[in-house]
N, C-alpha and C. Protein backbone atom coordinates (compact mmCIF):
# COMPACT_ATOMS: atom_id res chain seq x y z
N UNK A 1 0.85 -1.17 0.00
CA UNK A 1 0.00 0.00 0.00
C UNK A 1 0.89 1.23 0.00
N UNK A 2 0.57 2.21 -0.78
CA UNK A 2 1.42 3.37 -0.96
C UNK A 2 1.57 4.20 0.31
N UNK A 3 0.48 4.39 1.04
CA UNK A 3 0.54 5.21 2.26
C UNK A 3 1.51 4.60 3.26
N UNK A 4 1.40 3.31 3.47
CA UNK A 4 2.23 2.64 4.46
C UNK A 4 3.71 2.76 4.10
N UNK A 5 4.03 2.68 2.81
CA UNK A 5 5.41 2.78 2.39
C UNK A 5 6.00 4.14 2.79
N UNK A 6 5.28 5.19 2.51
CA UNK A 6 5.78 6.53 2.83
C UNK A 6 5.86 6.75 4.33
N UNK A 7 4.95 6.17 5.07
CA UNK A 7 4.94 6.38 6.52
C UNK A 7 6.02 5.58 7.23
N UNK A 8 6.41 4.44 6.68
CA UNK A 8 7.37 3.59 7.39
C UNK A 8 8.79 3.67 6.83
N UNK A 9 9.00 4.48 5.82
CA UNK A 9 10.30 4.56 5.17
C UNK A 9 11.17 5.65 5.80
N UNK A 10 12.47 5.47 5.69
CA UNK A 10 13.41 6.51 6.11
C UNK A 10 13.63 7.52 4.99
N UNK A 11 13.06 7.25 3.82
CA UNK A 11 13.21 8.15 2.68
C UNK A 11 12.26 9.34 2.83
N UNK A 12 12.57 10.39 2.10
CA UNK A 12 11.68 11.54 2.08
C UNK A 12 10.45 11.20 1.24
N UNK A 13 9.40 11.98 1.41
CA UNK A 13 8.19 11.76 0.63
C UNK A 13 8.50 11.88 -0.87
N UNK A 14 9.34 12.84 -1.23
CA UNK A 14 9.69 13.02 -2.63
C UNK A 14 10.40 11.78 -3.19
N UNK A 15 11.30 11.20 -2.41
CA UNK A 15 12.01 9.99 -2.86
C UNK A 15 11.04 8.81 -3.01
N UNK A 16 10.15 8.64 -2.04
CA UNK A 16 9.18 7.55 -2.11
C UNK A 16 8.25 7.77 -3.30
N UNK A 17 7.81 9.00 -3.50
CA UNK A 17 6.93 9.31 -4.63
C UNK A 17 7.62 8.97 -5.94
N UNK A 18 8.87 9.33 -6.07
CA UNK A 18 9.63 9.01 -7.29
C UNK A 18 9.71 7.50 -7.47
N UNK A 19 9.98 6.75 -6.39
CA UNK A 19 10.05 5.29 -6.46
C UNK A 19 8.73 4.67 -6.89
N UNK A 20 7.63 5.27 -6.45
CA UNK A 20 6.30 4.74 -6.77
C UNK A 20 5.74 5.27 -8.08
N UNK A 21 6.37 6.31 -8.62
CA UNK A 21 5.89 6.88 -9.86
C UNK A 21 4.65 7.75 -9.68
N UNK A 22 4.52 8.38 -8.52
CA UNK A 22 3.39 9.27 -8.25
C UNK A 22 3.94 10.66 -7.94
N UNK A 23 3.05 11.65 -7.93
CA UNK A 23 3.51 13.00 -7.62
C UNK A 23 3.76 13.15 -6.12
N UNK A 24 4.77 13.91 -5.76
CA UNK A 24 5.04 14.14 -4.34
C UNK A 24 3.84 14.80 -3.63
N UNK A 25 3.16 15.72 -4.33
CA UNK A 25 2.00 16.40 -3.73
C UNK A 25 0.89 15.40 -3.42
N UNK A 26 0.65 14.49 -4.36
CA UNK A 26 -0.37 13.47 -4.14
C UNK A 26 -0.02 12.56 -2.97
N UNK A 27 1.23 12.14 -2.91
CA UNK A 27 1.67 11.27 -1.82
C UNK A 27 1.60 12.00 -0.49
N UNK A 28 1.94 13.28 -0.46
CA UNK A 28 1.83 14.05 0.79
C UNK A 28 0.38 14.08 1.26
N UNK A 29 -0.54 14.25 0.32
CA UNK A 29 -1.97 14.24 0.67
C UNK A 29 -2.39 12.90 1.26
N UNK A 30 -1.92 11.81 0.65
CA UNK A 30 -2.25 10.47 1.17
C UNK A 30 -1.68 10.28 2.57
N UNK A 31 -0.44 10.72 2.76
CA UNK A 31 0.21 10.58 4.08
C UNK A 31 -0.55 11.40 5.12
N UNK A 32 -0.91 12.63 4.75
CA UNK A 32 -1.65 13.49 5.68
C UNK A 32 -2.98 12.85 6.06
N UNK A 33 -3.71 12.31 5.06
CA UNK A 33 -5.00 11.68 5.35
C UNK A 33 -4.82 10.41 6.17
N UNK A 34 -3.77 9.64 5.91
CA UNK A 34 -3.50 8.44 6.69
C UNK A 34 -3.23 8.79 8.15
N UNK A 35 -2.53 9.90 8.37
CA UNK A 35 -2.25 10.36 9.72
C UNK A 35 -3.55 10.71 10.44
N UNK A 36 -4.44 11.42 9.74
CA UNK A 36 -5.74 11.78 10.32
C UNK A 36 -6.55 10.52 10.60
N UNK A 37 -6.56 9.57 9.65
CA UNK A 37 -7.33 8.33 9.82
C UNK A 37 -6.84 7.51 11.02
N UNK A 38 -5.58 7.64 11.36
CA UNK A 38 -5.04 6.94 12.53
C UNK A 38 -5.32 7.70 13.82
N UNK A 39 -5.98 8.86 13.72
CA UNK A 39 -6.29 9.64 14.91
C UNK A 39 -5.16 10.52 15.37
N UNK A 40 -4.18 10.75 14.51
CA UNK A 40 -3.01 11.53 14.88
C UNK A 40 -2.97 12.89 14.17
N UNK A 41 -4.06 13.28 13.56
CA UNK A 41 -4.10 14.54 12.82
C UNK A 41 -4.45 15.70 13.72
N UNK A 42 -4.53 16.88 13.12
CA UNK A 42 -4.88 18.08 13.90
C UNK A 42 -6.33 18.01 14.37
N UNK A 43 -6.63 18.74 15.40
CA UNK A 43 -7.99 18.78 15.95
C UNK A 43 -8.95 19.26 14.86
N UNK A 44 -10.06 18.57 14.76
CA UNK A 44 -11.08 18.96 13.79
C UNK A 44 -10.91 18.36 12.41
N UNK A 45 -9.80 17.71 12.14
CA UNK A 45 -9.57 17.09 10.83
C UNK A 45 -10.49 15.88 10.69
N UNK A 46 -11.10 15.73 9.53
CA UNK A 46 -12.04 14.63 9.30
C UNK A 46 -11.33 13.40 8.77
N UNK A 47 -11.68 12.25 9.33
CA UNK A 47 -11.16 11.00 8.81
C UNK A 47 -11.83 10.69 7.48
N UNK A 48 -11.31 9.72 6.76
CA UNK A 48 -11.91 9.32 5.48
C UNK A 48 -13.35 8.88 5.67
N UNK A 49 -13.61 8.13 6.73
CA UNK A 49 -14.97 7.66 7.01
C UNK A 49 -15.90 8.84 7.31
N UNK A 50 -15.39 9.82 8.05
CA UNK A 50 -16.20 11.00 8.36
C UNK A 50 -16.47 11.83 7.12
N UNK A 51 -15.48 11.92 6.23
CA UNK A 51 -15.67 12.65 4.98
C UNK A 51 -16.75 11.98 4.13
N UNK A 52 -16.71 10.66 4.06
CA UNK A 52 -17.72 9.92 3.29
C UNK A 52 -19.11 10.12 3.90
N UNK A 53 -19.20 10.04 5.22
CA UNK A 53 -20.48 10.24 5.88
C UNK A 53 -21.00 11.65 5.64
N UNK A 54 -20.13 12.64 5.70
CA UNK A 54 -20.52 14.02 5.45
C UNK A 54 -21.05 14.18 4.03
N UNK A 55 -20.38 13.58 3.06
CA UNK A 55 -20.84 13.66 1.67
C UNK A 55 -22.22 13.02 1.52
N UNK A 56 -22.41 11.86 2.16
CA UNK A 56 -23.72 11.18 2.11
C UNK A 56 -24.80 12.04 2.76
N UNK A 57 -24.50 12.64 3.88
CA UNK A 57 -25.48 13.48 4.57
C UNK A 57 -25.82 14.72 3.76
N UNK A 58 -24.83 15.29 3.08
CA UNK A 58 -25.09 16.46 2.24
C UNK A 58 -26.00 16.08 1.06
N UNK A 59 -25.76 14.89 0.47
CA UNK A 59 -26.64 14.43 -0.61
C UNK A 59 -28.06 14.24 -0.09
N UNK A 60 -28.19 13.66 1.10
CA UNK A 60 -29.50 13.43 1.69
C UNK A 60 -30.21 14.76 1.97
N UNK A 61 -29.49 15.75 2.47
CA UNK A 61 -30.08 17.06 2.74
C UNK A 61 -30.60 17.68 1.44
N UNK A 62 -29.80 17.61 0.35
CA UNK A 62 -30.26 18.15 -0.94
C UNK A 62 -31.53 17.44 -1.40
N UNK A 63 -31.56 16.13 -1.24
CA UNK A 63 -32.73 15.33 -1.62
C UNK A 63 -33.95 15.75 -0.80
N UNK A 64 -33.78 15.91 0.50
CA UNK A 64 -34.89 16.30 1.37
C UNK A 64 -35.35 17.72 1.08
N UNK A 65 -34.41 18.62 0.76
CA UNK A 65 -34.79 19.99 0.41
C UNK A 65 -35.64 20.01 -0.86
N UNK A 66 -35.30 19.17 -1.84
CA UNK A 66 -36.11 19.07 -3.05
C UNK A 66 -37.51 18.56 -2.71
N UNK A 67 -37.57 17.55 -1.86
CA UNK A 67 -38.86 16.99 -1.46
C UNK A 67 -39.72 18.03 -0.77
N UNK A 68 -39.13 18.79 0.14
CA UNK A 68 -39.86 19.83 0.86
C UNK A 68 -40.37 20.88 -0.13
N UNK A 69 -39.55 21.24 -1.11
CA UNK A 69 -39.97 22.21 -2.12
C UNK A 69 -41.16 21.71 -2.93
N UNK A 70 -41.11 20.45 -3.32
CA UNK A 70 -42.22 19.86 -4.09
C UNK A 70 -43.48 19.81 -3.23
N UNK A 71 -43.35 19.40 -1.99
CA UNK A 71 -44.51 19.35 -1.11
C UNK A 71 -45.09 20.74 -0.86
N UNK A 72 -44.24 21.75 -0.75
CA UNK A 72 -44.71 23.12 -0.57
C UNK A 72 -45.51 23.59 -1.77
N UNK A 73 -45.02 23.28 -2.97
CA UNK A 73 -45.73 23.66 -4.19
C UNK A 73 -47.06 22.91 -4.30
N UNK A 74 -47.05 21.64 -3.94
CA UNK A 74 -48.28 20.85 -3.99
C UNK A 74 -49.31 21.39 -3.00
N UNK A 75 -48.85 21.76 -1.82
CA UNK A 75 -49.75 22.32 -0.82
C UNK A 75 -50.38 23.62 -1.33
N UNK A 76 -49.55 24.47 -1.92
CA UNK A 76 -50.05 25.74 -2.45
C UNK A 76 -51.05 25.48 -3.58
N UNK A 77 -50.76 24.52 -4.43
CA UNK A 77 -51.66 24.19 -5.54
C UNK A 77 -53.02 23.72 -5.02
N UNK A 78 -52.99 22.79 -4.07
CA UNK A 78 -54.25 22.26 -3.55
C UNK A 78 -55.00 23.29 -2.72
N UNK A 79 -54.29 24.18 -2.06
CA UNK A 79 -54.95 25.25 -1.29
C UNK A 79 -55.66 26.21 -2.25
N UNK A 80 -55.06 26.53 -3.36
CA UNK A 80 -55.71 27.38 -4.36
C UNK A 80 -56.93 26.69 -4.95
N UNK A 81 -56.79 25.42 -5.25
CA UNK A 81 -57.88 24.64 -5.83
C UNK A 81 -59.07 24.57 -4.88
N UNK A 82 -58.81 24.46 -3.60
CA UNK A 82 -59.87 24.34 -2.59
C UNK A 82 -60.63 25.67 -2.46
N UNK A 83 -59.95 26.80 -2.67
CA UNK A 83 -60.57 28.12 -2.53
C UNK A 83 -61.51 28.44 -3.70
N UNK A 84 -61.40 27.71 -4.78
CA UNK A 84 -62.25 27.98 -5.96
C UNK A 84 -63.60 27.41 -5.82
């Protein structure tokens, strides 16, 4: 696994990235996220699982907002129809 190699090596991230054929910036990102996932990141940093959950919850909120909008329009339509 690429993250483990960079974390357990005595080489610099740039050297490991060159050995793996990936960009140093990409490998630094993976190392940073692996550190957070192990619970060793800065306060408030989201783990990969938390990021996925947040994305799912945001999708669900958008879906529910659309539903509420449709229900609001339907309510207004039927309220107008009832007044006629």
